[in-house]
Amino acid sequence: MTKVFPDIFLLPSPCEKVSHSFLEKHEITLFVKRDDLIHPEISGNKYRKLKYNLEYILKNNFSTIITFGGAFSNHLHATAALCHHFGVKSVGIIRGDGLDPNNPTLRFCLNNGMTLHFISREEYKNKSNSLVVQNIIGQYASSYVIPEGGSNELALTGVQEIWEEIYKQLEKIPDYIFCALGTGTTIAGLLGSAPKECKLLGFSVLKTSHLEKEVLIMAKNHKKSTFYCFTDYHFGGYAKTTQELQSFINEFEIQTSIPIDPVYNAKALFGFFDLIEKGHIPKGSSVVWLHTGGLQGIEAMNYMNVKK
């Protein structure tokens, strides 16, 4: 993909040491893999997951991408931007009853040429077998369907490339790598080629007890013994937040100047810092935090709060 537009993506994404008093106190060396800097609109794990899907689409002359998401979906946002850049039509099937014209995420999607179809939450929950969804897909000839969150085999291949970049940048294998979990595709891709010396920590942003199992299924149970899924740091569920989390975000950004979104990265970081505080991460550990982007979620969250 980068051969088509070689100048619009920052690759490899930087891997920077994080300077923070809490980390220094506990003698933890933390590096952040700045996938949020890959592109202002197609960033983080969304770039990784869409890369080979787009390559396949262009190679096989599909004219349209059809995909799924909620009204504030990072995946829809990135897909719309990607398709706009590469001249591919995009269609979003949205969970919800109709368009809110002031929603910043959907407004961005529309401005980038994405056609939106809204379906009920019940239809969306059963979208794999929904006749409504099948009828929408049937309206578009030569279309390629990408699952919600970009979760497919080509996405896993794109995520696996992170390892090679980390090896070259750090010149060693870190003791831990961690990231936020939504669908779990990103960490499943990392598990597929993870070295046995490195433990993978995933922090769920959803209220769920099934994510660990789903990740291991996607990863074909690779490196099961090196993967740990934490489900206690969702702060009320997907896209929910608290004053405690917001205070953490503000303090972290003041100390580091690294922007983090409240939906994904803030929850993963909070969880990781809590593990350090509780003594679960040994002193002297070398850790990589995969910044999965999603910074458009800041504007989305602010809009939701104002609307409430």
C-alpha atoms as a PDB file:
ATOM      1  CA  MET A   1       0.000   0.000   0.000  1.00  0.00           C
ATOM      2  CA  THR A   2       2.758   2.455   0.832  1.00  0.00           C
ATOM      3  CA  LYS A   3       4.169   1.943  -2.678  1.00  0.00           C
ATOM      4  CA  VAL A   4       1.060   3.626  -4.060  1.00  0.00           C
ATOM      5  CA  PHE A   5       1.279   6.673  -1.790  1.00  0.00           C
ATOM      6  CA  PRO A   6       4.789   6.498  -0.293  1.00  0.00           C
ATOM      7  CA  ASP A   7       4.682   9.877   1.455  1.00  0.00           C
ATOM      8  CA  ILE A   8       1.427   9.805   3.406  1.00  0.00           C
ATOM      9  CA  PHE A   9       2.385   7.189   6.030  1.00  0.00           C
ATOM     10  CA  LEU A  10       5.072   7.539   8.706  1.00  0.00           C
ATOM     11  CA  LEU A  11       6.665   4.102   8.790  1.00  0.00           C
ATOM     12  CA  PRO A  12       8.106   2.592  10.769  1.00  0.00           C
ATOM     13  CA  SER A  13       6.229   4.436  13.495  1.00  0.00           C
ATOM     14  CA  PRO A  14       8.545   5.890  16.176  1.00  0.00           C
ATOM     15  CA  CYS A  15       9.320   3.968  19.346  1.00  0.00           C
ATOM     16  CA  GLU A  16       9.982   6.511  22.099  1.00  0.00           C
ATOM     17  CA  LYS A  17      11.032   6.174  25.727  1.00  0.00           C
ATOM     18  CA  VAL A  18       8.351   7.529  28.070  1.00  0.00           C
ATOM     19  CA  SER A  19       9.554   9.852  30.822  1.00  0.00           C
ATOM     20  CA  HIS A  20       7.204   9.763  33.824  1.00  0.00           C
ATOM     21  CA  SER A  21       7.858  10.093  37.562  1.00  0.00           C
ATOM     22  CA  PHE A  22       5.740   7.022  38.392  1.00  0.00           C
ATOM     23  CA  LEU A  23       7.799   4.844  36.047  1.00  0.00           C
ATOM     24  CA  GLU A  24      11.067   6.201  37.420  1.00  0.00           C
ATOM     25  CA  LYS A  25       9.910   5.537  40.993  1.00  0.00           C
ATOM     26  CA  HIS A  26       9.180   1.904  40.173  1.00  0.00           C
ATOM     27  CA  GLU A  27      12.241   1.464  37.906  1.00  0.00           C
ATOM     28  CA  ILE A  28      10.218   0.499  34.838  1.00  0.00           C
ATOM     29  CA  THR A  29      11.494   1.355  31.360  1.00  0.00           C
ATOM     30  CA  LEU A  30       8.519   2.075  29.120  1.00  0.00           C
ATOM     31  CA  PHE A  31       8.677   2.636  25.379  1.00  0.00           C
ATOM     32  CA  VAL A  32       5.654   3.753  23.384  1.00  0.00           C
ATOM     33  CA  LYS A  33       5.227   2.492  19.844  1.00  0.00           C
ATOM     34  CA  ARG A  34       3.671   5.615  18.326  1.00  0.00           C
ATOM     35  CA  ASP A  35       1.319   4.066  15.803  1.00  0.00           C
ATOM     36  CA  ASP A  36      -0.879   7.104  16.425  1.00  0.00           C
ATOM     37  CA  LEU A  37       1.638   9.043  14.293  1.00  0.00           C
ATOM     38  CA  ILE A  38       1.400   6.816  11.192  1.00  0.00           C
ATOM     39  CA  HIS A  39      -1.215   9.128   9.677  1.00  0.00           C
ATOM     40  CA  PRO A  40      -3.526  11.793  11.140  1.00  0.00           C
ATOM     41  CA  GLU A  41      -6.662  10.013   9.894  1.00  0.00           C
ATOM     42  CA  ILE A  42      -5.565   6.408   9.199  1.00  0.00           C
ATOM     43  CA  SER A  43      -3.545   5.707  12.302  1.00  0.00           C
ATOM     44  CA  GLY A  44      -2.758   3.130  14.903  1.00  0.00           C
ATOM     45  CA  ASN A  45      -4.031  -0.401  14.673  1.00  0.00           C
ATOM     46  CA  LYS A  46      -6.548   0.716  12.038  1.00  0.00           C
ATOM     47  CA  TYR A  47      -3.742   1.264   9.536  1.00  0.00           C
ATOM     48  CA  ARG A  48      -2.222  -2.099  10.450  1.00  0.00           C
ATOM     49  CA  LYS A  49      -5.517  -3.948  10.069  1.00  0.00           C
ATOM     50  CA  LEU A  50      -6.595  -2.266   6.844  1.00  0.00           C
ATOM     51  CA  LYS A  51      -3.251  -2.370   5.030  1.00  0.00           C
ATOM     52  CA  TYR A  52      -3.437  -5.837   3.473  1.00  0.00           C
ATOM     53  CA  ASN A  53      -7.184  -5.657   3.049  1.00  0.00           C
ATOM     54  CA  LEU A  54      -6.712  -2.625   0.816  1.00  0.00           C
ATOM     55  CA  GLU A  55      -3.872  -4.309  -1.056  1.00  0.00           C
ATOM     56  CA  TYR A  56      -6.160  -7.285  -1.758  1.00  0.00           C
ATOM     57  CA  ILE A  57      -9.004  -5.000  -2.849  1.00  0.00           C
ATOM     58  CA  LEU A  58      -6.867  -3.051  -5.295  1.00  0.00           C
ATOM     59  CA  LYS A  59      -5.245  -6.201  -6.682  1.00  0.00           C
ATOM     60  CA  ASN A  60      -8.612  -7.862  -7.307  1.00  0.00           C
ATOM     61  CA  ASN A  61     -10.413  -4.777  -8.664  1.00  0.00           C
ATOM     62  CA  PHE A  62     -13.125  -4.488  -6.021  1.00  0.00           C
ATOM     63  CA  SER A  63     -14.810  -1.113  -6.280  1.00  0.00           C
ATOM     64  CA  THR A  64     -16.374  -0.851  -2.822  1.00  0.00           C
ATOM     65  CA  ILE A  65     -15.542  -1.621   0.811  1.00  0.00           C
ATOM     66  CA  ILE A  66     -18.495  -2.415   3.069  1.00  0.00           C
ATOM     67  CA  THR A  67     -17.894  -2.513   6.800  1.00  0.00           C
ATOM     68  CA  PHE A  68     -19.579  -2.123  10.189  1.00  0.00           C
ATOM     69  CA  GLY A  69     -19.393  -0.033  13.329  1.00  0.00           C
ATOM     70  CA  GLY A  70     -21.051   2.071  15.972  1.00  0.00           C
ATOM     71  CA  ALA A  71     -21.769   5.766  15.635  1.00  0.00           C
ATOM     72  CA  PHE A  72     -18.336   6.770  16.989  1.00  0.00           C
ATOM     73  CA  SER A  73     -16.287   3.943  15.472  1.00  0.00           C
ATOM     74  CA  ASN A  74     -12.559   4.505  14.936  1.00  0.00           C
ATOM     75  CA  HIS A  75     -12.695   1.764  12.326  1.00  0.00           C
ATOM     76  CA  LEU A  76     -15.366   3.537  10.257  1.00  0.00           C
ATOM     77  CA  HIS A  77     -13.455   6.812  10.559  1.00  0.00           C
ATOM     78  CA  ALA A  78     -10.206   5.246   9.304  1.00  0.00           C
ATOM     79  CA  THR A  79     -11.920   3.212   6.572  1.00  0.00           C
ATOM     80  CA  ALA A  80     -13.646   6.298   5.173  1.00  0.00           C
ATOM     81  CA  ALA A  81     -10.346   8.194   5.083  1.00  0.00           C
ATOM     82  CA  LEU A  82      -8.461   5.272   3.528  1.00  0.00           C
ATOM     83  CA  CYS A  83     -11.033   4.808   0.787  1.00  0.00           C
ATOM     84  CA  HIS A  84     -11.054   8.534   0.076  1.00  0.00           C
ATOM     85  CA  HIS A  85      -7.270   8.561  -0.329  1.00  0.00           C
ATOM     86  CA  PHE A  86      -7.190   5.502  -2.573  1.00  0.00           C
ATOM     87  CA  GLY A  87     -10.271   6.134  -4.714  1.00  0.00           C
ATOM     88  CA  VAL A  88     -12.382   3.244  -3.399  1.00  0.00           C
ATOM     89  CA  LYS A  89     -16.080   3.614  -2.542  1.00  0.00           C
ATOM     90  CA  SER A  90     -16.932   3.026   1.113  1.00  0.00           C
ATOM     91  CA  VAL A  91     -20.151   1.905   2.782  1.00  0.00           C
ATOM     92  CA  GLY A  92     -20.751   1.847   6.524  1.00  0.00           C
ATOM     93  CA  ILE A  93     -23.470  -0.227   8.158  1.00  0.00           C
ATOM     94  CA  ILE A  94     -24.118   1.573  11.430  1.00  0.00           C
ATOM     95  CA  ARG A  95     -25.537   0.313  14.717  1.00  0.00           C
ATOM     96  CA  GLY A  96     -28.289   2.815  15.562  1.00  0.00           C
ATOM     97  CA  ASP A  97     -31.562   4.324  14.482  1.00  0.00           C
ATOM     98  CA  GLY A  98     -30.472   7.230  12.314  1.00  0.00           C
ATOM     99  CA  LEU A  99     -28.002   9.972  11.484  1.00  0.00           C
ATOM    100  CA  ASP A 100     -27.141  12.627  14.021  1.00  0.00           C
ATOM    101  CA  PRO A 101     -25.771  15.347  11.692  1.00  0.00           C
ATOM    102  CA  ASN A 102     -23.653  16.796  14.508  1.00  0.00           C
ATOM    103  CA  ASN A 103     -21.896  13.529  15.313  1.00  0.00           C
ATOM    104  CA  PRO A 104     -18.228  14.358  14.473  1.00  0.00           C
ATOM    105  CA  THR A 105     -17.302  10.791  13.505  1.00  0.00           C
ATOM    106  CA  LEU A 106     -20.196  10.245  11.094  1.00  0.00           C
ATOM    107  CA  ARG A 107     -19.848  13.760   9.710  1.00  0.00           C
ATOM    108  CA  PHE A 108     -16.206  12.945   8.917  1.00  0.00           C
ATOM    109  CA  CYS A 109     -17.251   9.679   7.245  1.00  0.00           C
ATOM    110  CA  LEU A 110     -19.815  11.498   5.086  1.00  0.00           C
ATOM    111  CA  ASN A 111     -17.310  14.201   4.150  1.00  0.00           C
ATOM    112  CA  ASN A 112     -14.951  11.461   2.981  1.00  0.00           C
ATOM    113  CA  GLY A 113     -17.600   9.928   0.739  1.00  0.00           C
ATOM    114  CA  MET A 114     -18.832   7.047   2.879  1.00  0.00           C
ATOM    115  CA  THR A 115     -22.443   5.964   2.297  1.00  0.00           C
ATOM    116  CA  LEU A 116     -24.154   5.208   5.614  1.00  0.00           C
ATOM    117  CA  HIS A 117     -26.891   2.678   6.322  1.00  0.00           C
ATOM    118  CA  PHE A 118     -28.445   2.550   9.804  1.00  0.00           C
ATOM    119  CA  ILE A 119     -29.903  -0.638  11.236  1.00  0.00           C
ATOM    120  CA  SER A 120     -31.477  -1.461  14.597  1.00  0.00           C
ATOM    121  CA  ARG A 121     -29.335  -2.716  17.444  1.00  0.00           C
ATOM    122  CA  GLU A 122     -31.095  -6.071  17.261  1.00  0.00           C
ATOM    123  CA  GLU A 123     -30.336  -6.467  13.548  1.00  0.00           C
ATOM    124  CA  TYR A 124     -26.765  -5.356  14.178  1.00  0.00           C
ATOM    125  CA  LYS A 125     -26.299  -7.887  16.957  1.00  0.00           C
ATOM    126  CA  ASN A 126     -27.275 -10.637  14.506  1.00  0.00           C
ATOM    127  CA  LYS A 127     -25.675  -9.029  11.452  1.00  0.00           C
ATOM    128  CA  SER A 128     -24.057 -12.258  10.257  1.00  0.00           C
ATOM    129  CA  ASN A 129     -27.517 -13.721   9.623  1.00  0.00           C
ATOM    130  CA  SER A 130     -29.527 -10.545   9.071  1.00  0.00           C
ATOM    131  CA  LEU A 131     -31.590 -10.283   5.885  1.00  0.00           C
ATOM    132  CA  VAL A 132     -31.509  -6.499   6.291  1.00  0.00           C
ATOM    133  CA  VAL A 133     -27.698  -6.563   6.176  1.00  0.00           C
ATOM    134  CA  GLN A 134     -27.673  -8.988   3.248  1.00  0.00           C
ATOM    135  CA  ASN A 135     -30.024  -6.705   1.307  1.00  0.00           C
ATOM    136  CA  ILE A 136     -27.760  -3.707   1.922  1.00  0.00           C
ATOM    137  CA  ILE A 137     -24.681  -5.622   0.770  1.00  0.00           C
ATOM    138  CA  GLY A 138     -26.603  -6.817  -2.295  1.00  0.00           C
ATOM    139  CA  GLN A 139     -27.056  -3.214  -3.446  1.00  0.00           C
ATOM    140  CA  TYR A 140     -23.348  -2.881  -4.205  1.00  0.00           C
ATOM    141  CA  ALA A 141     -21.727  -4.798  -7.038  1.00  0.00           C
ATOM    142  CA  SER A 142     -18.056  -5.739  -6.790  1.00  0.00           C
ATOM    143  CA  SER A 143     -17.980  -5.122  -3.049  1.00  0.00           C
ATOM    144  CA  TYR A 144     -15.603  -6.442  -0.408  1.00  0.00           C
ATOM    145  CA  VAL A 145     -16.893  -6.875   3.155  1.00  0.00           C
ATOM    146  CA  ILE A 146     -14.626  -6.191   6.118  1.00  0.00           C
ATOM    147  CA  PRO A 147     -15.904  -7.271   9.571  1.00  0.00           C
ATOM    148  CA  GLU A 148     -16.452  -4.847  12.433  1.00  0.00           C
ATOM    149  CA  GLY A 149     -13.146  -3.466  13.673  1.00  0.00           C
ATOM    150  CA  GLY A 150     -11.351  -4.860  10.613  1.00  0.00           C
ATOM    151  CA  SER A 151     -11.125  -8.275  12.245  1.00  0.00           C
ATOM    152  CA  ASN A 152      -9.965 -10.824   9.672  1.00  0.00           C
ATOM    153  CA  GLU A 153      -6.893 -12.840   8.659  1.00  0.00           C
ATOM    154  CA  LEU A 154      -5.404 -10.031   6.558  1.00  0.00           C
ATOM    155  CA  ALA A 155      -5.649  -7.758   9.592  1.00  0.00           C
ATOM    156  CA  LEU A 156      -3.618 -10.212  11.664  1.00  0.00           C
ATOM    157  CA  THR A 157      -0.899 -10.201   8.998  1.00  0.00           C
ATOM    158  CA  GLY A 158      -0.675  -6.424   9.135  1.00  0.00           C
ATOM    159  CA  VAL A 159      -0.387  -6.349  12.921  1.00  0.00           C
ATOM    160  CA  GLN A 160       2.418  -8.922  12.939  1.00  0.00           C
ATOM    161  CA  GLU A 161       4.718  -6.450  11.171  1.00  0.00           C
ATOM    162  CA  ILE A 162       4.960  -4.469  14.407  1.00  0.00           C
ATOM    163  CA  TRP A 163       7.405  -7.013  15.810  1.00  0.00           C
ATOM    164  CA  GLU A 164      10.016  -6.495  13.109  1.00  0.00           C
ATOM    165  CA  GLU A 165       9.873  -2.730  13.658  1.00  0.00           C
ATOM    166  CA  ILE A 166      10.276  -3.114  17.426  1.00  0.00           C
ATOM    167  CA  TYR A 167      13.265  -5.454  17.051  1.00  0.00           C
ATOM    168  CA  LYS A 168      15.063  -2.986  14.813  1.00  0.00           C
ATOM    169  CA  GLN A 169      14.236   0.035  16.968  1.00  0.00           C
ATOM    170  CA  LEU A 170      15.024  -1.422  20.414  1.00  0.00           C
ATOM    171  CA  GLU A 171      17.626  -3.964  19.306  1.00  0.00           C
ATOM    172  CA  LYS A 172      16.229  -6.327  21.923  1.00  0.00           C
ATOM    173  CA  ILE A 173      13.061  -8.173  22.912  1.00  0.00           C
ATOM    174  CA  PRO A 174      11.042  -6.341  25.603  1.00  0.00           C
ATOM    175  CA  ASP A 175       9.843  -8.169  28.696  1.00  0.00           C
ATOM    176  CA  TYR A 176       6.257  -7.028  28.091  1.00  0.00           C
ATOM    177  CA  ILE A 177       4.125  -5.452  25.409  1.00  0.00           C
ATOM    178  CA  PHE A 178       0.626  -4.181  26.166  1.00  0.00           C
ATOM    179  CA  CYS A 179      -2.304  -2.537  24.436  1.00  0.00           C
ATOM    180  CA  ALA A 180      -6.023  -1.892  24.711  1.00  0.00           C
ATOM    181  CA  LEU A 181      -8.480  -4.548  23.529  1.00  0.00           C
ATOM    182  CA  GLY A 182     -11.693  -3.950  21.602  1.00  0.00           C
ATOM    183  CA  THR A 183     -12.312  -6.827  19.232  1.00  0.00           C
ATOM    184  CA  GLY A 184      -8.957  -8.294  20.308  1.00  0.00           C
ATOM    185  CA  THR A 185      -7.612  -8.506  16.742  1.00  0.00           C
ATOM    186  CA  THR A 186      -4.503  -6.454  17.434  1.00  0.00           C
ATOM    187  CA  ILE A 187      -3.203  -8.587  20.264  1.00  0.00           C
ATOM    188  CA  ALA A 188      -4.219 -11.764  18.404  1.00  0.00           C
ATOM    189  CA  GLY A 189      -1.970 -10.616  15.546  1.00  0.00           C
ATOM    190  CA  LEU A 190       0.862  -9.916  17.977  1.00  0.00           C
ATOM    191  CA  LEU A 191       0.424 -13.350  19.555  1.00  0.00           C
ATOM    192  CA  GLY A 192       0.835 -15.013  16.167  1.00  0.00           C
ATOM    193  CA  SER A 193       4.537 -14.147  16.042  1.00  0.00           C
ATOM    194  CA  ALA A 194       5.368 -13.226  19.646  1.00  0.00           C
ATOM    195  CA  PRO A 195       8.734 -14.373  21.020  1.00  0.00           C
ATOM    196  CA  LYS A 196       8.409 -16.632  24.048  1.00  0.00           C
ATOM    197  CA  GLU A 197      10.499 -14.227  26.130  1.00  0.00           C
ATOM    198  CA  CYS A 198       7.872 -11.469  25.877  1.00  0.00           C
ATOM    199  CA  LYS A 199       4.593 -11.440  27.807  1.00  0.00           C
ATOM    200  CA  LEU A 200       1.569  -9.829  26.136  1.00  0.00           C
ATOM    201  CA  LEU A 201      -0.885  -7.890  28.279  1.00  0.00           C
ATOM    202  CA  GLY A 202      -4.287  -6.886  26.954  1.00  0.00           C
ATOM    203  CA  PHE A 203      -6.674  -4.493  28.694  1.00  0.00           C
ATOM    204  CA  SER A 204     -10.307  -4.851  27.672  1.00  0.00           C
ATOM    205  CA  VAL A 205     -12.271  -1.627  27.173  1.00  0.00           C
ATOM    206  CA  LEU A 206     -15.506  -3.648  27.152  1.00  0.00           C
ATOM    207  CA  LYS A 207     -17.545  -5.235  29.903  1.00  0.00           C
ATOM    208  CA  THR A 208     -16.967  -8.816  28.829  1.00  0.00           C
ATOM    209  CA  SER A 209     -15.751 -12.155  30.102  1.00  0.00           C
ATOM    210  CA  HIS A 210     -15.351 -13.742  26.662  1.00  0.00           C
ATOM    211  CA  LEU A 211     -12.564 -11.671  25.119  1.00  0.00           C
ATOM    212  CA  GLU A 212      -9.631 -13.841  26.191  1.00  0.00           C
ATOM    213  CA  LYS A 213     -11.223 -16.890  24.577  1.00  0.00           C
ATOM    214  CA  GLU A 214     -11.995 -14.949  21.387  1.00  0.00           C
ATOM    215  CA  VAL A 215      -8.421 -13.657  21.146  1.00  0.00           C
ATOM    216  CA  LEU A 216      -6.962 -17.138  21.493  1.00  0.00           C
ATOM    217  CA  ILE A 217      -9.328 -18.476  18.828  1.00  0.00           C
ATOM    218  CA  MET A 218      -8.222 -15.731  16.428  1.00  0.00           C
ATOM    219  CA  ALA A 219      -4.582 -16.411  17.276  1.00  0.00           C
ATOM    220  CA  LYS A 220      -5.139 -20.167  16.874  1.00  0.00           C
ATOM    221  CA  ASN A 221      -4.009 -20.539  20.510  1.00  0.00           C
ATOM    222  CA  HIS A 222      -0.475 -19.407  19.685  1.00  0.00           C
ATOM    223  CA  LYS A 223       1.569 -18.502  22.770  1.00  0.00           C
ATOM    224  CA  LYS A 224      -1.369 -18.990  25.117  1.00  0.00           C
ATOM    225  CA  SER A 225       0.982 -19.075  28.102  1.00  0.00           C
ATOM    226  CA  THR A 226       2.359 -15.594  27.317  1.00  0.00           C
ATOM    227  CA  PHE A 227      -0.992 -13.775  27.010  1.00  0.00           C
ATOM    228  CA  TYR A 228      -2.845 -12.161  29.901  1.00  0.00           C
ATOM    229  CA  CYS A 229      -6.240 -10.491  29.501  1.00  0.00           C
ATOM    230  CA  PHE A 230      -7.390  -7.949  32.093  1.00  0.00           C
ATOM    231  CA  THR A 231     -11.084  -7.096  32.256  1.00  0.00           C
ATOM    232  CA  ASP A 232     -11.268  -4.826  35.324  1.00  0.00           C
ATOM    233  CA  TYR A 233     -10.280  -1.554  33.683  1.00  0.00           C
ATOM    234  CA  HIS A 234     -13.265  -0.779  31.440  1.00  0.00           C
ATOM    235  CA  PHE A 235     -14.533   2.059  33.697  1.00  0.00           C
ATOM    236  CA  GLY A 236     -18.154   1.122  33.190  1.00  0.00           C
ATOM    237  CA  GLY A 237     -17.984  -0.288  29.676  1.00  0.00           C
ATOM    238  CA  TYR A 238     -17.211   0.733  26.132  1.00  0.00           C
ATOM    239  CA  ALA A 239     -16.884   4.526  25.685  1.00  0.00           C
ATOM    240  CA  LYS A 240     -17.620   5.021  29.399  1.00  0.00           C
ATOM    241  CA  THR A 241     -15.323   7.081  31.575  1.00  0.00           C
ATOM    242  CA  THR A 242     -14.991   8.472  35.089  1.00  0.00           C
ATOM    243  CA  GLN A 243     -13.417  11.487  36.727  1.00  0.00           C
ATOM    244  CA  GLU A 244     -10.631   9.224  37.973  1.00  0.00           C
ATOM    245  CA  LEU A 245      -9.761   8.205  34.419  1.00  0.00           C
ATOM    246  CA  GLN A 246      -9.950  11.779  33.154  1.00  0.00           C
ATOM    247  CA  SER A 247      -7.605  12.945  35.931  1.00  0.00           C
ATOM    248  CA  PHE A 248      -5.184  10.171  34.956  1.00  0.00           C
ATOM    249  CA  ILE A 249      -5.296  11.301  31.316  1.00  0.00           C
ATOM    250  CA  ASN A 250      -4.626  14.921  32.234  1.00  0.00           C
ATOM    251  CA  GLU A 251      -1.705  14.071  34.526  1.00  0.00           C
ATOM    252  CA  PHE A 252      -0.169  11.669  32.013  1.00  0.00           C
ATOM    253  CA  GLU A 253      -0.357  14.135  29.144  1.00  0.00           C
ATOM    254  CA  ILE A 254       1.132  16.937  31.273  1.00  0.00           C
ATOM    255  CA  GLN A 255       4.140  14.774  32.168  1.00  0.00           C
ATOM    256  CA  THR A 256       4.711  13.147  28.781  1.00  0.00           C
ATOM    257  CA  SER A 257       3.074  15.349  26.097  1.00  0.00           C
ATOM    258  CA  ILE A 258       1.713  12.126  24.566  1.00  0.00           C
ATOM    259  CA  PRO A 259      -1.994  12.403  23.652  1.00  0.00           C
ATOM    260  CA  ILE A 260      -4.230   9.500  24.668  1.00  0.00           C
ATOM    261  CA  ASP A 261      -7.889   8.841  24.001  1.00  0.00           C
ATOM    262  CA  PRO A 262     -10.343   7.989  26.818  1.00  0.00           C
ATOM    263  CA  VAL A 263     -11.896   5.046  24.997  1.00  0.00           C
ATOM    264  CA  TYR A 264      -8.873   2.777  24.476  1.00  0.00           C
ATOM    265  CA  ASN A 265      -5.352   3.889  25.329  1.00  0.00           C
ATOM    266  CA  ALA A 266      -6.130   5.660  28.604  1.00  0.00           C
ATOM    267  CA  LYS A 267      -7.751   2.521  30.008  1.00  0.00           C
ATOM    268  CA  ALA A 268      -4.821   0.322  28.978  1.00  0.00           C
ATOM    269  CA  LEU A 269      -2.309   2.730  30.505  1.00  0.00           C
ATOM    270  CA  PHE A 270      -4.296   3.081  33.712  1.00  0.00           C
ATOM    271  CA  GLY A 271      -4.463  -0.702  33.991  1.00  0.00           C
ATOM    272  CA  PHE A 272      -0.746  -1.096  33.372  1.00  0.00           C
ATOM    273  CA  PHE A 273       0.153   1.549  35.956  1.00  0.00           C
ATOM    274  CA  ASP A 274      -2.120  -0.228  38.435  1.00  0.00           C
ATOM    275  CA  LEU A 275      -0.314  -3.531  37.813  1.00  0.00           C
ATOM    276  CA  ILE A 276       2.969  -1.763  38.540  1.00  0.00           C
ATOM    277  CA  GLU A 277       1.543  -0.258  41.742  1.00  0.00           C
ATOM    278  CA  LYS A 278       0.399  -3.700  42.877  1.00  0.00           C
ATOM    279  CA  GLY A 279       3.843  -5.204  42.266  1.00  0.00           C
ATOM    280  CA  HIS A 280       2.915  -7.400  39.293  1.00  0.00           C
ATOM    281  CA  ILE A 281       5.529  -5.844  36.980  1.00  0.00           C
ATOM    282  CA  PRO A 282       9.047  -6.457  38.352  1.00  0.00           C
ATOM    283  CA  LYS A 283      11.522  -3.612  38.760  1.00  0.00           C
ATOM    284  CA  GLY A 284      13.917  -3.346  35.851  1.00  0.00           C
ATOM    285  CA  SER A 285      11.331  -4.536  33.324  1.00  0.00           C
ATOM    286  CA  SER A 286      11.473  -3.283  29.740  1.00  0.00           C
ATOM    287  CA  VAL A 287       7.984  -2.641  28.368  1.00  0.00           C
ATOM    288  CA  VAL A 288       6.448  -1.522  25.071  1.00  0.00           C
ATOM    289  CA  TRP A 289       3.047   0.127  25.011  1.00  0.00           C
ATOM    290  CA  LEU A 290       1.418  -0.068  21.596  1.00  0.00           C
ATOM    291  CA  HIS A 291      -0.376   3.250  21.089  1.00  0.00           C
ATOM    292  CA  THR A 292      -3.306   2.161  18.941  1.00  0.00           C
ATOM    293  CA  GLY A 293      -4.315   5.661  17.833  1.00  0.00           C
ATOM    294  CA  GLY A 294      -8.025   6.400  17.990  1.00  0.00           C
ATOM    295  CA  LEU A 295      -7.452  10.039  18.892  1.00  0.00           C
ATOM    296  CA  GLN A 296     -10.605  11.018  17.006  1.00  0.00           C
ATOM    297  CA  GLY A 297     -12.329   9.439  19.993  1.00  0.00           C
ATOM    298  CA  ILE A 298     -11.413  12.497  22.070  1.00  0.00           C
ATOM    299  CA  GLU A 299     -13.650  14.732  19.962  1.00  0.00           C
ATOM    300  CA  ALA A 300     -16.335  12.041  19.926  1.00  0.00           C
ATOM    301  CA  MET A 301     -16.268  11.691  23.713  1.00  0.00           C
ATOM    302  CA  ASN A 302     -16.388  15.460  24.189  1.00  0.00           C
ATOM    303  CA  TYR A 303     -19.411  15.620  21.889  1.00  0.00           C
ATOM    304  CA  MET A 304     -21.159  12.842  23.802  1.00  0.00           C
ATOM    305  CA  ASN A 305     -20.527  14.617  27.113  1.00  0.00           C
ATOM    306  CA  VAL A 306     -21.880  17.924  25.799  1.00  0.00           C
ATOM    307  CA  LYS A 307     -24.926  16.180  24.353  1.00  0.00           C
ATOM    308  CA  LYS A 308     -25.667  14.573  27.712  1.00  0.00           C
END
